[in-house]
Amino acid sequence: MDPDAPPQPHDWPSIWRWVLGFLIVGACWGFTTPFMRRAAVERDKKPQPPRPYLTDPNVSWLKKKFWGIVYAVFDLLRNPSYAVPLLLNVTGSVWFFLLIGQAELSLTVPITNSLAFLFTVLGEWWAEGKTISRDTWIGMALVLGGIALCVQSKTAS
């Protein structure tokens, strides 16, 4: 295979594979965020079991902060309503790094972040019942238009 030869169409990754990859990353990052937020808020509303390191006046401030973080992480991770969206969110990061190696960086980053925004709006609607205002719909359409312009500018050159 000649390294100076132009790439043939069958050598190029399928555009549909990229689109699917962008959508997966955007959905994993954006759609899961409202669900994780809701689970964290619900966790804070529930009474927590007594934590000796947090209430003992003889424990240093640094130890209290450390154990407070450890307990918060442990409580959230053992809660499926938080752990499952977190696992999907991290999976999106793995997909993102796989895309970075294949797709053009100047397209991958803005497209995935823009799609994450769009999926966050949809996730808030689904998880929290928030209504999507007219201005938000307009903003989402403009974001999609911006993605289309980015893609078009890269394919035109």
Protein backbone atom coordinates (compact mmCIF):
# COMPACT_ATOMS: atom_id res chain seq x y z
CA MET A 1 0.00 0.00 0.00
CA ASP A 2 1.47 3.32 -1.09
CA PRO A 3 1.50 5.83 1.84
CA ASP A 4 1.40 8.76 -0.64
CA ALA A 5 -1.71 7.50 -2.41
CA PRO A 6 -4.94 9.35 -1.58
CA PRO A 7 -7.33 7.43 0.65
CA GLN A 8 -9.97 5.47 -1.17
CA PRO A 9 -13.65 5.75 -0.23
CA HIS A 10 -13.66 2.23 1.22
CA ASP A 11 -10.79 3.30 3.55
CA TRP A 12 -12.78 6.15 5.10
CA PRO A 13 -14.76 5.46 8.23
CA SER A 14 -18.45 5.43 7.55
CA ILE A 15 -20.11 8.78 8.18
CA TRP A 16 -22.95 6.91 9.87
CA ARG A 17 -20.51 5.36 12.32
CA TRP A 18 -19.30 8.84 13.24
CA VAL A 19 -22.83 10.19 13.55
CA LEU A 20 -23.77 7.27 15.77
CA GLY A 21 -20.62 7.79 17.85
CA PHE A 22 -21.34 11.52 18.26
CA LEU A 23 -24.93 10.77 19.28
CA ILE A 24 -23.84 8.12 21.78
CA VAL A 25 -21.33 10.45 23.43
CA GLY A 26 -23.79 13.35 23.50
CA ALA A 27 -26.52 11.17 24.96
CA CYS A 28 -24.25 9.55 27.54
CA TRP A 29 -22.91 12.91 28.69
CA GLY A 30 -26.03 15.02 28.47
CA PHE A 31 -29.00 12.76 29.08
CA THR A 32 -27.55 11.19 32.23
CA THR A 33 -26.68 14.46 33.98
CA PRO A 34 -30.24 15.35 35.11
CA PHE A 35 -30.73 11.82 36.43
CA MET A 36 -27.53 12.00 38.47
CA ARG A 37 -28.52 15.42 39.80
CA ARG A 38 -31.96 14.16 40.79
CA ALA A 39 -30.46 11.14 42.60
CA ALA A 40 -27.97 13.37 44.44
CA VAL A 41 -30.73 15.78 45.54
CA GLU A 42 -32.90 12.88 46.72
CA ARG A 43 -29.95 11.47 48.66
CA ASP A 44 -29.53 14.78 50.47
CA LYS A 45 -33.21 14.76 51.50
CA LYS A 46 -32.99 11.34 53.19
CA PRO A 47 -31.77 11.02 56.77
CA GLN A 48 -28.24 9.67 56.82
CA PRO A 49 -26.96 7.08 59.29
CA PRO A 50 -24.77 8.40 62.09
CA ARG A 51 -21.18 8.90 61.05
CA PRO A 52 -18.81 8.97 64.01
CA TYR A 53 -15.98 10.72 62.18
CA LEU A 54 -18.31 13.54 61.17
CA THR A 55 -19.86 14.22 64.58
CA ASP A 56 -16.96 13.61 66.98
CA PRO A 57 -15.59 16.98 68.17
CA ASN A 58 -12.14 15.41 68.71
CA VAL A 59 -11.70 14.60 65.03
CA SER A 60 -9.73 17.18 63.04
CA TRP A 61 -11.35 19.35 60.37
CA LEU A 62 -9.32 17.64 57.64
CA LYS A 63 -10.42 14.15 58.73
CA LYS A 64 -14.06 15.29 58.85
CA LYS A 65 -13.82 16.66 55.30
CA PHE A 66 -12.08 13.50 54.06
CA TRP A 67 -14.64 11.15 55.61
CA GLY A 68 -17.51 13.38 54.49
CA ILE A 69 -16.35 12.98 50.89
CA VAL A 70 -15.81 9.23 51.30
CA TYR A 71 -19.28 8.73 52.79
CA ALA A 72 -20.94 10.89 50.10
CA VAL A 73 -19.24 8.98 47.27
CA PHE A 74 -20.00 5.61 48.85
CA ASP A 75 -23.66 6.52 49.45
CA LEU A 76 -24.10 7.72 45.87
CA LEU A 77 -22.34 4.78 44.24
CA ARG A 78 -24.39 2.21 46.12
CA ASN A 79 -27.55 3.98 44.94
CA PRO A 80 -28.56 2.53 41.54
CA SER A 81 -30.47 5.69 40.57
CA TYR A 82 -27.11 7.49 40.66
CA ALA A 83 -24.66 4.70 39.81
CA VAL A 84 -26.33 3.59 36.56
CA PRO A 85 -26.39 7.08 34.97
CA LEU A 86 -22.82 7.63 36.20
CA LEU A 87 -21.71 4.40 34.53
CA LEU A 88 -23.39 5.47 31.27
CA ASN A 89 -21.77 8.91 31.57
CA VAL A 90 -18.31 7.38 31.97
CA THR A 91 -19.04 5.07 29.04
CA GLY A 92 -19.62 8.21 26.99
CA SER A 93 -16.12 9.35 27.89
CA VAL A 94 -14.69 6.06 26.62
CA TRP A 95 -16.61 6.51 23.35
CA PHE A 96 -15.32 10.08 23.15
CA PHE A 97 -11.69 8.97 23.38
CA LEU A 98 -12.32 6.36 20.72
CA LEU A 99 -13.81 9.05 18.47
CA ILE A 100 -10.89 11.42 19.08
CA GLY A 101 -8.60 8.84 17.51
CA GLN A 102 -10.80 8.46 14.43
CA ALA A 103 -12.67 11.69 13.71
CA GLU A 104 -11.27 15.16 13.24
CA LEU A 105 -10.67 16.87 16.58
CA SER A 106 -12.04 20.23 15.46
CA LEU A 107 -15.37 18.52 14.70
CA THR A 108 -15.50 15.94 17.48
CA VAL A 109 -15.25 18.34 20.43
CA PRO A 110 -17.85 20.94 19.37
CA ILE A 111 -20.28 18.34 18.06
CA THR A 112 -20.19 16.11 21.14
CA ASN A 113 -20.41 19.05 23.55
CA SER A 114 -23.27 20.61 21.59
CA LEU A 115 -25.14 17.32 21.49
CA ALA A 116 -24.54 16.91 25.23
CA PHE A 117 -26.29 20.26 25.74
CA LEU A 118 -29.24 19.15 23.61
CA PHE A 119 -29.52 15.83 25.43
CA THR A 120 -29.28 17.61 28.81
CA VAL A 121 -32.35 19.66 27.89
CA LEU A 122 -34.18 16.49 26.88
CA GLY A 123 -33.02 14.72 30.06
CA GLU A 124 -34.32 17.56 32.22
CA TRP A 125 -37.66 17.28 30.45
CA TRP A 126 -37.74 13.52 31.01
CA ALA A 127 -36.28 13.26 34.54
CA GLU A 128 -37.58 16.43 36.13
CA GLY A 129 -40.62 17.26 34.01
CA LYS A 130 -39.23 20.66 33.05
CA THR A 131 -40.96 22.33 30.17
CA ILE A 132 -38.85 23.32 27.21
CA SER A 133 -39.50 26.97 26.46
CA ARG A 134 -39.76 28.48 22.99
CA ASP A 135 -36.41 30.24 23.48
CA THR A 136 -34.77 26.93 24.38
CA TRP A 137 -36.21 25.30 21.26
CA ILE A 138 -34.82 28.17 19.20
CA GLY A 139 -31.44 27.81 20.89
CA MET A 140 -31.43 24.07 20.22
CA ALA A 141 -32.21 24.70 16.55
CA LEU A 142 -29.37 27.23 16.37
CA VAL A 143 -26.99 24.71 17.97
CA LEU A 144 -27.96 22.12 15.37
CA GLY A 145 -27.45 24.76 12.67
CA GLY A 146 -24.00 25.50 14.08
CA ILE A 147 -23.11 21.81 14.01
CA ALA A 148 -24.25 21.63 10.38
CA LEU A 149 -22.10 24.67 9.51
CA CYS A 150 -19.05 23.12 11.18
CA VAL A 151 -19.49 19.89 9.30
CA GLN A 152 -20.19 21.68 6.02
CA SER A 153 -17.11 23.88 6.37
CA LYS A 154 -14.90 20.85 6.91
CA THR A 155 -16.32 18.93 3.97
CA ALA A 156 -16.18 21.95 1.61
CA SER A 157 -12.44 22.50 2.04
